[in-house]
Amino acid sequence: MLTRTVVALLVPDAWRWRRNPLRRRSDVVEAWIVLATCLVALLGGLLAGEEAGAATEAGLTARRTAAHTVSAVLVEDAGAASTVPTSGTGETVRATVRWTAPDGSTRTGQARVEPGGAAGTSVTVWIDRGGNPVRTPHTAHRTSPTAHRPPPPRRGCRPC
């Protein structure tokens, strides 16, 4: 009796499997179809999540391997006027820098650097295979589901 009660609580339509003179064959077929559909939906969701995660990781790995760092020199002072916040790593500013591209040519352009650097200071810049400046690629730790996220703001506090 206790088993029937537990099953009835866990599976509301469990009466369709019990021996009952009013139970029709279509009731049993319907119950099995519902059960199979629920299992297929659950497994499909799990597989879709795994595939999405693998595709995202593959794309991020491709981005990480396509970019590399080079040493660059600040052409102008890196002031703190146009700060660009980056998640968890402080602030950066856009400044004009000069670097040597993979083909050996000298290039000049805007890149994100630490604020406060004087002209002529050596900085590190991320570039792609073509020698163009790119954003710092995400690390595997930063993109993991367990990566640290900042806590939500406290009640009554406004974001700064």
N, C-alpha and C. Protein backbone atom coordinates (compact mmCIF):
# COMPACT_ATOMS: atom_id res chain seq x y z
N MET A 1 0.82 -1.19 0.00
CA MET A 1 0.00 0.00 0.00
C MET A 1 0.86 1.26 0.00
N LEU A 2 1.93 1.24 0.80
CA LEU A 2 2.82 2.39 0.87
C LEU A 2 3.50 2.62 -0.48
N THR A 3 3.85 1.54 -1.17
CA THR A 3 4.49 1.66 -2.47
C THR A 3 3.56 2.35 -3.46
N ARG A 4 2.30 1.98 -3.46
CA ARG A 4 1.34 2.61 -4.36
C ARG A 4 1.20 4.09 -4.05
N THR A 5 1.22 4.47 -2.79
CA THR A 5 1.08 5.87 -2.41
C THR A 5 2.29 6.66 -2.88
N VAL A 6 3.49 6.13 -2.69
CA VAL A 6 4.70 6.81 -3.13
C VAL A 6 4.69 6.96 -4.64
N VAL A 7 4.37 5.91 -5.36
CA VAL A 7 4.32 5.97 -6.82
C VAL A 7 3.27 6.97 -7.27
N ALA A 8 2.12 6.99 -6.62
CA ALA A 8 1.05 7.92 -6.98
C ALA A 8 1.49 9.37 -6.75
N LEU A 9 2.31 9.61 -5.73
CA LEU A 9 2.79 10.96 -5.48
C LEU A 9 3.87 11.37 -6.48
N LEU A 10 4.76 10.46 -6.80
CA LEU A 10 5.85 10.77 -7.71
C LEU A 10 5.38 10.82 -9.16
N VAL A 11 4.51 9.94 -9.53
CA VAL A 11 4.00 9.87 -10.90
C VAL A 11 2.49 9.97 -10.83
N PRO A 12 1.92 11.17 -11.05
CA PRO A 12 0.48 11.35 -10.89
C PRO A 12 -0.36 10.42 -11.78
N ASP A 13 0.15 10.08 -12.95
CA ASP A 13 -0.62 9.21 -13.85
C ASP A 13 -0.24 7.75 -13.71
N ALA A 14 0.27 7.36 -12.52
CA ALA A 14 0.70 5.98 -12.32
C ALA A 14 -0.47 5.00 -12.34
N TRP A 15 -1.68 5.50 -12.15
CA TRP A 15 -2.83 4.59 -12.16
C TRP A 15 -2.97 3.87 -13.49
N ARG A 16 -2.37 4.41 -14.52
CA ARG A 16 -2.50 3.79 -15.84
C ARG A 16 -1.74 2.48 -15.92
N TRP A 17 -0.77 2.25 -15.02
CA TRP A 17 -0.02 1.01 -15.03
C TRP A 17 -0.60 -0.03 -14.05
N ARG A 18 -1.42 0.41 -13.14
CA ARG A 18 -1.96 -0.52 -12.14
C ARG A 18 -3.03 -1.41 -12.76
N ARG A 19 -3.25 -2.50 -12.08
CA ARG A 19 -4.32 -3.40 -12.52
C ARG A 19 -5.65 -2.80 -12.10
N ASN A 20 -6.45 -2.51 -13.09
CA ASN A 20 -7.73 -1.87 -12.85
C ASN A 20 -8.70 -2.38 -13.90
N PRO A 21 -9.86 -2.79 -13.48
CA PRO A 21 -10.81 -3.31 -14.49
C PRO A 21 -11.25 -2.24 -15.48
N LEU A 22 -11.12 -0.96 -15.13
CA LEU A 22 -11.53 0.10 -16.04
C LEU A 22 -10.38 0.60 -16.93
N ARG A 23 -9.21 0.07 -16.72
CA ARG A 23 -8.05 0.49 -17.49
C ARG A 23 -8.16 -0.04 -18.91
N ARG A 24 -7.96 0.88 -19.85
CA ARG A 24 -8.01 0.46 -21.25
C ARG A 24 -6.59 0.29 -21.78
N ARG A 25 -6.48 -0.42 -22.85
CA ARG A 25 -5.18 -0.60 -23.47
C ARG A 25 -4.62 0.74 -23.93
N SER A 26 -5.46 1.64 -24.40
CA SER A 26 -5.01 2.96 -24.85
C SER A 26 -4.44 3.78 -23.68
N ASP A 27 -4.94 3.57 -22.46
CA ASP A 27 -4.39 4.26 -21.29
C ASP A 27 -2.94 3.84 -21.04
N VAL A 28 -2.69 2.55 -21.16
CA VAL A 28 -1.34 2.05 -20.95
C VAL A 28 -0.40 2.55 -22.05
N VAL A 29 -0.85 2.52 -23.29
CA VAL A 29 -0.05 3.00 -24.40
C VAL A 29 0.26 4.49 -24.22
N GLU A 30 -0.75 5.26 -23.83
CA GLU A 30 -0.55 6.69 -23.60
C GLU A 30 0.48 6.93 -22.49
N ALA A 31 0.40 6.18 -21.41
CA ALA A 31 1.33 6.34 -20.30
C ALA A 31 2.76 6.05 -20.74
N TRP A 32 2.96 4.99 -21.52
CA TRP A 32 4.30 4.67 -22.00
C TRP A 32 4.82 5.72 -22.97
N ILE A 33 3.94 6.27 -23.79
CA ILE A 33 4.35 7.32 -24.73
C ILE A 33 4.77 8.58 -23.97
N VAL A 34 4.01 8.94 -22.93
CA VAL A 34 4.36 10.11 -22.12
C VAL A 34 5.71 9.89 -21.43
N LEU A 35 5.91 8.72 -20.89
CA LEU A 35 7.17 8.41 -20.23
C LEU A 35 8.34 8.47 -21.21
N ALA A 36 8.17 7.86 -22.37
CA ALA A 36 9.23 7.87 -23.38
C ALA A 36 9.52 9.29 -23.86
N THR A 37 8.48 10.09 -24.04
CA THR A 37 8.67 11.47 -24.48
C THR A 37 9.44 12.28 -23.45
N CYS A 38 9.12 12.10 -22.18
CA CYS A 38 9.83 12.81 -21.12
C CYS A 38 11.31 12.41 -21.09
N LEU A 39 11.59 11.13 -21.24
CA LEU A 39 12.97 10.67 -21.24
C LEU A 39 13.74 11.19 -22.45
N VAL A 40 13.11 11.18 -23.62
CA VAL A 40 13.77 11.68 -24.82
C VAL A 40 14.04 13.18 -24.69
N ALA A 41 13.09 13.94 -24.13
CA ALA A 41 13.29 15.38 -23.95
C ALA A 41 14.43 15.65 -22.97
N LEU A 42 14.49 14.89 -21.90
CA LEU A 42 15.55 15.06 -20.92
C LEU A 42 16.91 14.75 -21.52
N LEU A 43 17.04 13.61 -22.19
CA LEU A 43 18.30 13.24 -22.81
C LEU A 43 18.68 14.19 -23.94
N GLY A 44 17.68 14.63 -24.71
CA GLY A 44 17.95 15.59 -25.79
C GLY A 44 18.48 16.91 -25.26
N GLY A 45 17.90 17.37 -24.17
CA GLY A 45 18.38 18.61 -23.56
C GLY A 45 19.80 18.48 -23.05
N LEU A 46 20.10 17.35 -22.44
CA LEU A 46 21.47 17.13 -21.95
C LEU A 46 22.47 17.08 -23.11
N LEU A 47 22.13 16.36 -24.16
CA LEU A 47 23.03 16.28 -25.31
C LEU A 47 23.19 17.63 -26.00
N ALA A 48 22.11 18.39 -26.12
CA ALA A 48 22.20 19.71 -26.74
C ALA A 48 23.09 20.64 -25.92
N GLY A 49 22.98 20.58 -24.61
CA GLY A 49 23.83 21.38 -23.75
C GLY A 49 25.30 21.02 -23.88
N GLU A 50 25.58 19.73 -23.94
CA GLU A 50 26.96 19.28 -24.12
C GLU A 50 27.53 19.75 -25.46
N GLU A 51 26.74 19.64 -26.51
CA GLU A 51 27.19 20.07 -27.84
C GLU A 51 27.42 21.57 -27.87
N ALA A 52 26.53 22.34 -27.26
CA ALA A 52 26.69 23.79 -27.24
C ALA A 52 27.95 24.18 -26.47
N GLY A 53 28.20 23.51 -25.36
CA GLY A 53 29.41 23.78 -24.59
C GLY A 53 30.67 23.44 -25.36
N ALA A 54 30.65 22.31 -26.06
CA ALA A 54 31.82 21.91 -26.84
C ALA A 54 32.06 22.87 -28.00
N ALA A 55 30.99 23.32 -28.65
CA ALA A 55 31.15 24.26 -29.76
C ALA A 55 31.68 25.60 -29.27
N THR A 56 31.19 26.06 -28.14
CA THR A 56 31.69 27.32 -27.57
C THR A 56 33.15 27.21 -27.20
N GLU A 57 33.51 26.12 -26.57
CA GLU A 57 34.92 25.92 -26.17
C GLU A 57 35.82 25.83 -27.40
N ALA A 58 35.36 25.18 -28.46
CA ALA A 58 36.16 25.08 -29.69
C ALA A 58 36.36 26.46 -30.31
N GLY A 59 35.31 27.27 -30.32
CA GLY A 59 35.42 28.62 -30.87
C GLY A 59 36.37 29.49 -30.06
N LEU A 60 36.27 29.40 -28.74
CA LEU A 60 37.16 30.19 -27.89
C LEU A 60 38.61 29.72 -28.01
N THR A 61 38.81 28.42 -28.16
CA THR A 61 40.17 27.90 -28.34
C THR A 61 40.75 28.41 -29.65
N ALA A 62 39.93 28.45 -30.70
CA ALA A 62 40.41 28.96 -31.99
C ALA A 62 40.80 30.43 -31.87
N ARG A 63 40.02 31.20 -31.12
CA ARG A 63 40.36 32.61 -30.93
C ARG A 63 41.65 32.76 -30.13
N ARG A 64 41.82 31.91 -29.10
CA ARG A 64 43.03 32.00 -28.28
C ARG A 64 44.27 31.65 -29.09
N THR A 65 44.18 30.67 -29.98
CA THR A 65 45.34 30.27 -30.76
C THR A 65 45.64 31.25 -31.90
N ALA A 66 44.64 32.02 -32.33
CA ALA A 66 44.84 32.96 -33.43
C ALA A 66 45.51 34.25 -32.96
N ALA A 67 45.46 34.55 -31.67
CA ALA A 67 46.04 35.80 -31.16
C ALA A 67 47.30 35.50 -30.35
N HIS A 68 48.22 36.45 -30.38
CA HIS A 68 49.42 36.33 -29.58
C HIS A 68 49.89 37.73 -29.17
N THR A 69 50.77 37.79 -28.19
CA THR A 69 51.24 39.08 -27.70
C THR A 69 52.52 39.49 -28.39
N VAL A 70 52.67 40.81 -28.53
CA VAL A 70 53.91 41.39 -29.03
C VAL A 70 54.24 42.58 -28.14
N SER A 71 55.49 42.94 -28.15
CA SER A 71 55.92 44.12 -27.42
C SER A 71 55.68 45.33 -28.30
N ALA A 72 55.09 46.37 -27.72
CA ALA A 72 54.81 47.59 -28.46
C ALA A 72 55.33 48.77 -27.64
N VAL A 73 55.43 49.92 -28.30
CA VAL A 73 55.90 51.14 -27.64
C VAL A 73 54.80 52.18 -27.73
N LEU A 74 54.53 52.85 -26.61
CA LEU A 74 53.53 53.92 -26.59
C LEU A 74 54.04 55.11 -27.41
N VAL A 75 53.23 55.57 -28.34
CA VAL A 75 53.58 56.73 -29.16
C VAL A 75 53.20 58.01 -28.41
N GLU A 76 52.15 57.94 -27.60
CA GLU A 76 51.68 59.08 -26.83
C GLU A 76 51.43 58.63 -25.39
N ASP A 77 51.28 59.57 -24.50
CA ASP A 77 50.98 59.25 -23.11
C ASP A 77 49.63 58.56 -23.02
N ALA A 78 49.57 57.53 -22.18
CA ALA A 78 48.31 56.81 -21.97
C ALA A 78 47.60 57.44 -20.78
N GLY A 79 46.79 58.44 -21.06
CA GLY A 79 46.06 59.14 -20.01
C GLY A 79 44.92 58.32 -19.48
N ALA A 80 44.28 58.82 -18.46
CA ALA A 80 43.17 58.11 -17.84
C ALA A 80 41.83 58.67 -18.28
N ALA A 81 41.80 59.47 -19.34
CA ALA A 81 40.57 60.14 -19.74
C ALA A 81 39.55 59.18 -20.34
N SER A 82 39.97 58.29 -21.21
CA SER A 82 39.02 57.41 -21.89
C SER A 82 39.16 55.98 -21.37
N THR A 83 38.88 55.80 -20.10
CA THR A 83 39.03 54.46 -19.51
C THR A 83 37.95 53.54 -20.02
N VAL A 84 38.33 52.30 -20.22
CA VAL A 84 37.41 51.27 -20.67
C VAL A 84 37.45 50.17 -19.63
N PRO A 85 36.36 49.97 -18.84
CA PRO A 85 36.40 48.93 -17.81
C PRO A 85 36.43 47.55 -18.45
N THR A 86 37.24 46.69 -17.88
CA THR A 86 37.28 45.29 -18.30
C THR A 86 36.93 44.44 -17.10
N SER A 87 36.27 43.34 -17.33
CA SER A 87 35.74 42.54 -16.23
C SER A 87 36.84 41.96 -15.36
N GLY A 88 36.90 42.42 -14.13
CA GLY A 88 37.77 41.82 -13.14
C GLY A 88 39.24 42.17 -13.24
N THR A 89 39.69 42.86 -14.27
CA THR A 89 41.12 43.12 -14.41
C THR A 89 41.46 44.59 -14.29
N GLY A 90 40.58 45.41 -13.78
CA GLY A 90 40.85 46.83 -13.65
C GLY A 90 40.39 47.57 -14.88
N GLU A 91 41.09 48.68 -15.16
CA GLU A 91 40.70 49.50 -16.30
C GLU A 91 41.84 49.58 -17.31
N THR A 92 41.48 49.84 -18.54
CA THR A 92 42.46 50.08 -19.59
C THR A 92 42.07 51.35 -20.31
N VAL A 93 43.00 51.90 -21.06
CA VAL A 93 42.73 53.09 -21.87
C VAL A 93 43.15 52.79 -23.30
N ARG A 94 42.55 53.49 -24.22
CA ARG A 94 42.98 53.38 -25.62
C ARG A 94 44.11 54.37 -25.82
N ALA A 95 45.19 53.87 -26.41
CA ALA A 95 46.34 54.72 -26.68
C ALA A 95 46.96 54.31 -28.00
N THR A 96 47.69 55.23 -28.60
CA THR A 96 48.37 54.93 -29.86
C THR A 96 49.69 54.24 -29.54
N VAL A 97 49.89 53.08 -30.17
CA VAL A 97 51.10 52.29 -29.94
C VAL A 97 51.71 51.90 -31.29
N ARG A 98 53.00 51.54 -31.25
CA ARG A 98 53.72 51.09 -32.44
C ARG A 98 54.28 49.71 -32.15
N TRP A 99 54.08 48.78 -33.08
CA TRP A 99 54.57 47.42 -32.91
C TRP A 99 55.03 46.87 -34.24
N THR A 100 55.73 45.75 -34.19
CA THR A 100 56.19 45.08 -35.40
C THR A 100 55.26 43.91 -35.70
N ALA A 101 54.69 43.92 -36.90
CA ALA A 101 53.77 42.87 -37.32
C ALA A 101 54.54 41.60 -37.67
N PRO A 102 53.84 40.45 -37.78
CA PRO A 102 54.53 39.19 -38.11
C PRO A 102 55.29 39.23 -39.43
N ASP A 103 54.86 40.08 -40.38
CA ASP A 103 55.57 40.16 -41.67
C ASP A 103 56.80 41.07 -41.61
N GLY A 104 57.07 41.66 -40.43
CA GLY A 104 58.26 42.50 -40.27
C GLY A 104 57.99 43.99 -40.41
N SER A 105 56.81 44.37 -40.86
CA SER A 105 56.51 45.79 -41.03
C SER A 105 56.16 46.44 -39.68
N THR A 106 56.44 47.73 -39.59
CA THR A 106 56.12 48.47 -38.37
C THR A 106 54.73 49.05 -38.54
N ARG A 107 53.89 48.87 -37.53
CA ARG A 107 52.52 49.35 -37.58
C ARG A 107 52.24 50.27 -36.40
N THR A 108 51.31 51.16 -36.61
CA THR A 108 50.87 52.08 -35.57
C THR A 108 49.35 52.03 -35.52
N GLY A 109 48.80 51.99 -34.32
CA GLY A 109 47.35 51.95 -34.18
C GLY A 109 46.93 52.09 -32.73
N GLN A 110 45.63 52.03 -32.50
CA GLN A 110 45.07 52.14 -31.17
C GLN A 110 44.98 50.74 -30.54
N ALA A 111 45.34 50.68 -29.27
CA ALA A 111 45.24 49.43 -28.52
C ALA A 111 44.89 49.76 -27.07
N ARG A 112 44.40 48.79 -26.36
CA ARG A 112 44.07 48.97 -24.95
C ARG A 112 45.31 48.68 -24.11
N VAL A 113 45.66 49.64 -23.26
CA VAL A 113 46.84 49.51 -22.41
C VAL A 113 46.49 49.98 -21.01
N GLU A 114 47.39 49.72 -20.08
CA GLU A 114 47.21 50.19 -18.70
C GLU A 114 47.30 51.71 -18.68
N PRO A 115 46.47 52.39 -17.88
CA PRO A 115 46.53 53.86 -17.85
C PRO A 115 47.79 54.38 -17.16
N GLY A 116 48.18 55.59 -17.54
CA GLY A 116 49.29 56.25 -16.87
C GLY A 116 50.65 56.05 -17.49
N GLY A 117 50.77 55.32 -18.56
CA GLY A 117 52.07 55.10 -19.18
C GLY A 117 52.53 56.31 -19.97
N ALA A 118 53.82 56.60 -19.94
CA ALA A 118 54.38 57.73 -20.68
C ALA A 118 54.78 57.28 -22.08
N ALA A 119 54.88 58.26 -22.98
CA ALA A 119 55.31 57.96 -24.35
C ALA A 119 56.69 57.33 -24.31
N GLY A 120 56.88 56.27 -25.12
CA GLY A 120 58.15 55.56 -25.15
C GLY A 120 58.20 54.34 -24.24
N THR A 121 57.15 54.16 -23.42
CA THR A 121 57.09 53.02 -22.51
C THR A 121 56.74 51.75 -23.29
N SER A 122 57.36 50.66 -22.94
CA SER A 122 57.08 49.38 -23.58
C SER A 122 55.83 48.76 -22.96
N VAL A 123 54.90 48.32 -23.80
CA VAL A 123 53.66 47.68 -23.35
C VAL A 123 53.46 46.39 -24.14
N THR A 124 52.55 45.56 -23.65
CA THR A 124 52.21 44.31 -24.34
C THR A 124 50.87 44.48 -25.03
N VAL A 125 50.81 44.09 -26.31
CA VAL A 125 49.60 44.23 -27.11
C VAL A 125 49.27 42.88 -27.73
N TRP A 126 47.99 42.54 -27.78
CA TRP A 126 47.54 41.31 -28.44
C TRP A 126 47.25 41.63 -29.90
N ILE A 127 47.78 40.80 -30.82
CA ILE A 127 47.52 40.96 -32.25
C ILE A 127 47.10 39.63 -32.84
N ASP A 128 46.44 39.70 -34.00
CA ASP A 128 46.05 38.47 -34.71
C ASP A 128 47.15 38.10 -35.70
N ARG A 129 46.92 37.08 -36.52
CA ARG A 129 47.93 36.61 -37.47
C ARG A 129 48.26 37.65 -38.53
N GLY A 130 47.30 38.55 -38.79
CA GLY A 130 47.53 39.61 -39.78
C GLY A 130 48.26 40.81 -39.21
N GLY A 131 48.49 40.81 -37.89
CA GLY A 131 49.19 41.92 -37.26
C GLY A 131 48.29 43.02 -36.76
N ASN A 132 46.98 42.80 -36.77
CA ASN A 132 46.02 43.79 -36.30
C ASN A 132 45.74 43.62 -34.81
N PRO A 133 45.60 44.73 -34.08
CA PRO A 133 45.33 44.60 -32.64
C PRO A 133 43.95 44.00 -32.39
N VAL A 134 43.88 43.12 -31.40
CA VAL A 134 42.62 42.48 -31.01
C VAL A 134 42.48 42.56 -29.49
N ARG A 135 41.28 42.25 -29.01
CA ARG A 135 41.06 42.20 -27.57
C ARG A 135 41.80 41.03 -26.96
N THR A 136 42.06 41.14 -25.67
CA THR A 136 42.68 40.03 -24.95
C THR A 136 41.74 38.83 -25.01
N PRO A 137 42.20 37.69 -25.50
CA PRO A 137 41.29 36.53 -25.59
C PRO A 137 40.90 36.01 -24.22
N HIS A 138 39.73 35.42 -24.14
CA HIS A 138 39.25 34.84 -22.89
C HIS A 138 40.05 33.59 -22.57
N THR A 139 40.35 33.41 -21.30
CA THR A 139 41.03 32.21 -20.87
C THR A 139 40.00 31.11 -20.63
N ALA A 140 40.45 29.87 -20.55
CA ALA A 140 39.53 28.76 -20.30
C ALA A 140 38.87 28.92 -18.94
N HIS A 141 39.61 29.44 -17.95
CA HIS A 141 39.04 29.62 -16.61
C HIS A 141 37.94 30.68 -16.63
N ARG A 142 38.16 31.76 -17.38
CA ARG A 142 37.19 32.85 -17.41
C ARG A 142 35.89 32.44 -18.06
N THR A 143 35.92 31.50 -18.98
CA THR A 143 34.72 31.10 -19.69
C THR A 143 34.06 29.86 -19.09
N SER A 144 34.63 29.32 -18.02
CA SER A 144 34.04 28.12 -17.43
C SER A 144 32.79 28.48 -16.64
N PRO A 145 31.86 27.53 -16.49
CA PRO A 145 30.64 27.81 -15.74
C PRO A 145 30.90 28.14 -14.28
N THR A 146 32.06 27.75 -13.77
CA THR A 146 32.36 28.01 -12.35
C THR A 146 33.23 29.24 -12.17
N ALA A 147 33.42 30.02 -13.24
CA ALA A 147 34.24 31.22 -13.13
C ALA A 147 33.62 32.19 -12.14
N HIS A 148 34.45 32.94 -11.48
CA HIS A 148 33.97 33.87 -10.46
C HIS A 148 33.14 34.97 -11.10
N ARG A 149 32.00 35.21 -10.54
CA ARG A 149 31.15 36.31 -10.96
C ARG A 149 31.02 37.27 -9.79
N PRO A 150 30.97 38.57 -10.06
CA PRO A 150 30.85 39.50 -8.94
C PRO A 150 29.51 39.30 -8.24
N PRO A 151 29.47 39.54 -6.93
CA PRO A 151 28.22 39.36 -6.21
C PRO A 151 27.20 40.40 -6.64
N PRO A 152 25.91 40.08 -6.51
CA PRO A 152 24.89 41.07 -6.88
C PRO A 152 24.94 42.25 -5.92
N PRO A 153 24.49 43.43 -6.36
CA PRO A 153 24.52 44.59 -5.48
C PRO A 153 23.61 44.39 -4.27
N ARG A 154 24.00 45.00 -3.16
CA ARG A 154 23.19 44.89 -1.95
C ARG A 154 21.94 45.73 -2.09
N ARG A 155 20.90 45.37 -1.33
CA ARG A 155 19.66 46.13 -1.35
C ARG A 155 19.91 47.55 -0.86
N GLY A 156 19.31 48.48 -1.55
CA GLY A 156 19.43 49.87 -1.15
C GLY A 156 20.65 50.56 -1.72
N CYS A 157 21.55 49.82 -2.36
CA CYS A 157 22.75 50.43 -2.93
C CYS A 157 22.53 50.63 -4.42
N ARG A 158 22.93 51.76 -4.90
CA ARG A 158 22.86 52.01 -6.33
C ARG A 158 24.21 51.71 -6.94
N PRO A 159 24.22 51.21 -8.18
CA PRO A 159 25.52 50.98 -8.83
C PRO A 159 26.23 52.32 -9.04
N CYS A 160 27.51 52.31 -8.89
CA CYS A 160 28.29 53.54 -9.05
C CYS A 160 28.44 53.89 -10.50
